[in-house]
Amino acid sequence: MGIRFFLNVFHVLHTSKYSKTATLIYAIIFSALAISGLYFFIVKPEINIALWLGIGPWVIILSVLLFNMLTGDYK
């Protein structure tokens, strides 16, 4: 997910529905979660922490989408 958001920031992909700043923030957060998840999975074999770090981006995106759906004006 982080790589996809980075590609949207650099205009390689044009699939982001968010502003450029929000896309950059998502790219940094998701890449950091992915790198730390790989660290806990490969270097320190703590599978539970790696799993929670892997689920983190999905939870963030789904909560942002739910918030947008609840507060959005669909006229």
N, C-alpha and C. Protein backbone atom coordinates (compact mmCIF):
# COMPACT_ATOMS: atom_id res chain seq x y z
N MET A 1 0.83 -1.20 0.00
CA MET A 1 0.00 0.00 0.00
C MET A 1 0.86 1.25 0.00
N GLY A 2 1.93 1.23 0.78
CA GLY A 2 2.79 2.40 0.87
C GLY A 2 3.43 2.74 -0.46
N ILE A 3 3.85 1.70 -1.19
CA ILE A 3 4.47 1.93 -2.50
C ILE A 3 3.46 2.51 -3.48
N ARG A 4 2.25 2.04 -3.42
CA ARG A 4 1.22 2.56 -4.31
C ARG A 4 0.94 4.04 -4.04
N PHE A 5 0.89 4.42 -2.76
CA PHE A 5 0.69 5.82 -2.44
C PHE A 5 1.89 6.67 -2.85
N PHE A 6 3.11 6.13 -2.71
CA PHE A 6 4.29 6.87 -3.18
C PHE A 6 4.24 7.07 -4.69
N LEU A 7 3.81 6.05 -5.43
CA LEU A 7 3.69 6.20 -6.88
C LEU A 7 2.64 7.23 -7.26
N ASN A 8 1.59 7.37 -6.46
CA ASN A 8 0.60 8.40 -6.70
C ASN A 8 1.17 9.79 -6.41
N VAL A 9 2.01 9.91 -5.41
CA VAL A 9 2.61 11.21 -5.07
C VAL A 9 3.50 11.68 -6.21
N PHE A 10 4.26 10.76 -6.81
CA PHE A 10 5.17 11.12 -7.89
C PHE A 10 4.53 11.06 -9.27
N HIS A 11 3.22 10.96 -9.34
CA HIS A 11 2.41 10.98 -10.57
C HIS A 11 2.74 9.84 -11.53
N VAL A 12 3.20 8.73 -11.00
CA VAL A 12 3.37 7.54 -11.83
C VAL A 12 2.01 6.86 -11.99
N LEU A 13 1.27 6.76 -10.89
CA LEU A 13 -0.11 6.29 -10.91
C LEU A 13 -1.04 7.48 -10.69
N HIS A 14 -2.23 7.36 -11.17
CA HIS A 14 -3.24 8.41 -10.96
C HIS A 14 -4.51 7.80 -10.39
N THR A 15 -4.36 7.02 -9.31
CA THR A 15 -5.51 6.33 -8.76
C THR A 15 -5.94 6.86 -7.40
N SER A 16 -5.26 7.86 -6.87
CA SER A 16 -5.58 8.34 -5.53
C SER A 16 -6.76 9.30 -5.58
N LYS A 17 -7.65 9.15 -4.63
CA LYS A 17 -8.82 10.02 -4.53
C LYS A 17 -8.59 11.12 -3.50
N TYR A 18 -7.43 11.10 -2.84
CA TYR A 18 -7.14 12.04 -1.78
C TYR A 18 -6.22 13.14 -2.30
N SER A 19 -6.03 14.18 -1.50
CA SER A 19 -5.14 15.26 -1.89
C SER A 19 -3.70 14.77 -1.89
N LYS A 20 -2.80 15.57 -2.47
CA LYS A 20 -1.40 15.17 -2.55
C LYS A 20 -0.77 15.05 -1.17
N THR A 21 -1.13 15.95 -0.26
CA THR A 21 -0.59 15.92 1.10
C THR A 21 -1.06 14.68 1.85
N ALA A 22 -2.35 14.38 1.75
CA ALA A 22 -2.88 13.19 2.43
C ALA A 22 -2.27 11.92 1.85
N THR A 23 -2.08 11.89 0.54
CA THR A 23 -1.47 10.73 -0.09
C THR A 23 -0.03 10.54 0.39
N LEU A 24 0.71 11.64 0.54
CA LEU A 24 2.07 11.54 1.04
C LEU A 24 2.11 11.05 2.49
N ILE A 25 1.19 11.54 3.31
CA ILE A 25 1.12 11.09 4.71
C ILE A 25 0.80 9.60 4.77
N TYR A 26 -0.17 9.16 3.96
CA TYR A 26 -0.50 7.73 3.92
C TYR A 26 0.70 6.91 3.46
N ALA A 27 1.42 7.40 2.46
CA ALA A 27 2.59 6.68 1.95
C ALA A 27 3.65 6.51 3.03
N ILE A 28 3.91 7.56 3.80
CA ILE A 28 4.92 7.49 4.85
C ILE A 28 4.47 6.55 5.97
N ILE A 29 3.22 6.68 6.41
CA ILE A 29 2.72 5.84 7.50
C ILE A 29 2.70 4.37 7.09
N PHE A 30 2.17 4.07 5.91
CA PHE A 30 2.04 2.68 5.49
C PHE A 30 3.39 2.05 5.20
N SER A 31 4.32 2.81 4.65
CA SER A 31 5.66 2.28 4.42
C SER A 31 6.37 2.00 5.74
N ALA A 32 6.22 2.90 6.70
CA ALA A 32 6.83 2.69 8.02
C ALA A 32 6.24 1.46 8.70
N LEU A 33 4.93 1.28 8.60
CA LEU A 33 4.30 0.08 9.19
C LEU A 33 4.79 -1.19 8.50
N ALA A 34 4.95 -1.15 7.19
CA ALA A 34 5.40 -2.33 6.46
C ALA A 34 6.85 -2.67 6.81
N ILE A 35 7.71 -1.66 6.88
CA ILE A 35 9.11 -1.91 7.22
C ILE A 35 9.24 -2.43 8.64
N SER A 36 8.50 -1.84 9.57
CA SER A 36 8.58 -2.32 10.95
C SER A 36 7.97 -3.72 11.08
N GLY A 37 6.93 -4.03 10.33
CA GLY A 37 6.36 -5.37 10.34
C GLY A 37 7.34 -6.41 9.81
N LEU A 38 8.06 -6.06 8.73
CA LEU A 38 9.08 -6.98 8.22
C LEU A 38 10.22 -7.14 9.21
N TYR A 39 10.57 -6.08 9.90
CA TYR A 39 11.63 -6.16 10.90
C TYR A 39 11.24 -7.14 12.01
N PHE A 40 10.02 -6.99 12.52
CA PHE A 40 9.59 -7.87 13.60
C PHE A 40 9.35 -9.30 13.11
N PHE A 41 9.11 -9.49 11.83
CA PHE A 41 8.90 -10.83 11.30
C PHE A 41 10.22 -11.54 10.99
N ILE A 42 11.19 -10.80 10.42
CA ILE A 42 12.43 -11.43 9.97
C ILE A 42 13.53 -11.37 11.03
N VAL A 43 13.81 -10.17 11.55
CA VAL A 43 14.93 -10.00 12.48
C VAL A 43 14.59 -10.53 13.86
N LYS A 44 13.50 -10.04 14.41
CA LYS A 44 13.03 -10.54 15.71
C LYS A 44 11.80 -11.39 15.44
N PRO A 45 11.85 -12.66 15.67
CA PRO A 45 10.70 -13.50 15.30
C PRO A 45 9.52 -13.34 16.25
N GLU A 46 8.92 -12.17 16.23
CA GLU A 46 7.71 -11.91 17.03
C GLU A 46 6.54 -11.78 16.05
N ILE A 47 5.88 -12.88 15.83
CA ILE A 47 4.85 -12.96 14.81
C ILE A 47 3.62 -12.12 15.16
N ASN A 48 3.25 -12.06 16.43
CA ASN A 48 2.05 -11.32 16.82
C ASN A 48 2.19 -9.82 16.52
N ILE A 49 3.33 -9.25 16.84
CA ILE A 49 3.54 -7.82 16.58
C ILE A 49 3.58 -7.57 15.07
N ALA A 50 4.24 -8.46 14.33
CA ALA A 50 4.30 -8.31 12.88
C ALA A 50 2.91 -8.39 12.26
N LEU A 51 2.06 -9.26 12.78
CA LEU A 51 0.70 -9.37 12.27
C LEU A 51 -0.09 -8.10 12.52
N TRP A 52 0.00 -7.54 13.73
CA TRP A 52 -0.72 -6.31 14.03
C TRP A 52 -0.21 -5.15 13.20
N LEU A 53 1.10 -5.10 12.94
CA LEU A 53 1.63 -4.04 12.08
C LEU A 53 1.20 -4.24 10.63
N GLY A 54 1.00 -5.47 10.22
CA GLY A 54 0.52 -5.73 8.87
C GLY A 54 -0.95 -5.40 8.69
N ILE A 55 -1.72 -5.53 9.74
CA ILE A 55 -3.15 -5.20 9.69
C ILE A 55 -3.38 -3.70 9.82
N GLY A 56 -2.43 -2.99 10.39
CA GLY A 56 -2.57 -1.55 10.66
C GLY A 56 -3.02 -0.70 9.49
N PRO A 57 -2.38 -0.79 8.30
CA PRO A 57 -2.82 0.04 7.18
C PRO A 57 -4.26 -0.21 6.76
N TRP A 58 -4.69 -1.46 6.82
CA TRP A 58 -6.07 -1.78 6.44
C TRP A 58 -7.07 -1.16 7.42
N VAL A 59 -6.73 -1.21 8.69
CA VAL A 59 -7.61 -0.62 9.70
C VAL A 59 -7.69 0.89 9.53
N ILE A 60 -6.56 1.52 9.26
CA ILE A 60 -6.53 2.98 9.07
C ILE A 60 -7.36 3.38 7.85
N ILE A 61 -7.15 2.71 6.73
CA ILE A 61 -7.89 3.05 5.50
C ILE A 61 -9.38 2.83 5.68
N LEU A 62 -9.76 1.70 6.27
CA LEU A 62 -11.19 1.43 6.44
C LEU A 62 -11.85 2.41 7.41
N SER A 63 -11.13 2.82 8.45
CA SER A 63 -11.71 3.80 9.37
C SER A 63 -11.83 5.18 8.72
N VAL A 64 -10.86 5.56 7.90
CA VAL A 64 -10.96 6.84 7.18
C VAL A 64 -12.12 6.80 6.19
N LEU A 65 -12.27 5.70 5.47
CA LEU A 65 -13.38 5.59 4.52
C LEU A 65 -14.73 5.59 5.23
N LEU A 66 -14.83 4.92 6.36
CA LEU A 66 -16.07 4.93 7.12
C LEU A 66 -16.39 6.33 7.62
N PHE A 67 -15.38 7.05 8.11
CA PHE A 67 -15.58 8.42 8.56
C PHE A 67 -16.04 9.32 7.41
N ASN A 68 -15.43 9.15 6.24
CA ASN A 68 -15.84 9.94 5.07
C ASN A 68 -17.27 9.62 4.65
N MET A 69 -17.65 8.35 4.75
CA MET A 69 -19.01 7.98 4.38
C MET A 69 -20.04 8.56 5.36
N LEU A 70 -19.69 8.59 6.64
CA LEU A 70 -20.62 9.08 7.64
C LEU A 70 -20.74 10.61 7.62
N THR A 71 -19.67 11.30 7.30
CA THR A 71 -19.69 12.77 7.35
C THR A 71 -19.78 13.41 5.98
N GLY A 72 -19.76 12.64 4.91
CA GLY A 72 -19.78 13.21 3.56
C GLY A 72 -21.14 13.74 3.17
N ASP A 73 -21.12 14.73 2.29
CA ASP A 73 -22.35 15.33 1.78
C ASP A 73 -22.58 14.79 0.37
N TYR A 74 -23.56 13.94 0.22
CA TYR A 74 -23.84 13.29 -1.07
C TYR A 74 -25.08 13.89 -1.72
N LYS A 75 -24.98 15.11 -2.17
CA LYS A 75 -26.11 15.76 -2.87
C LYS A 75 -25.93 15.72 -4.34
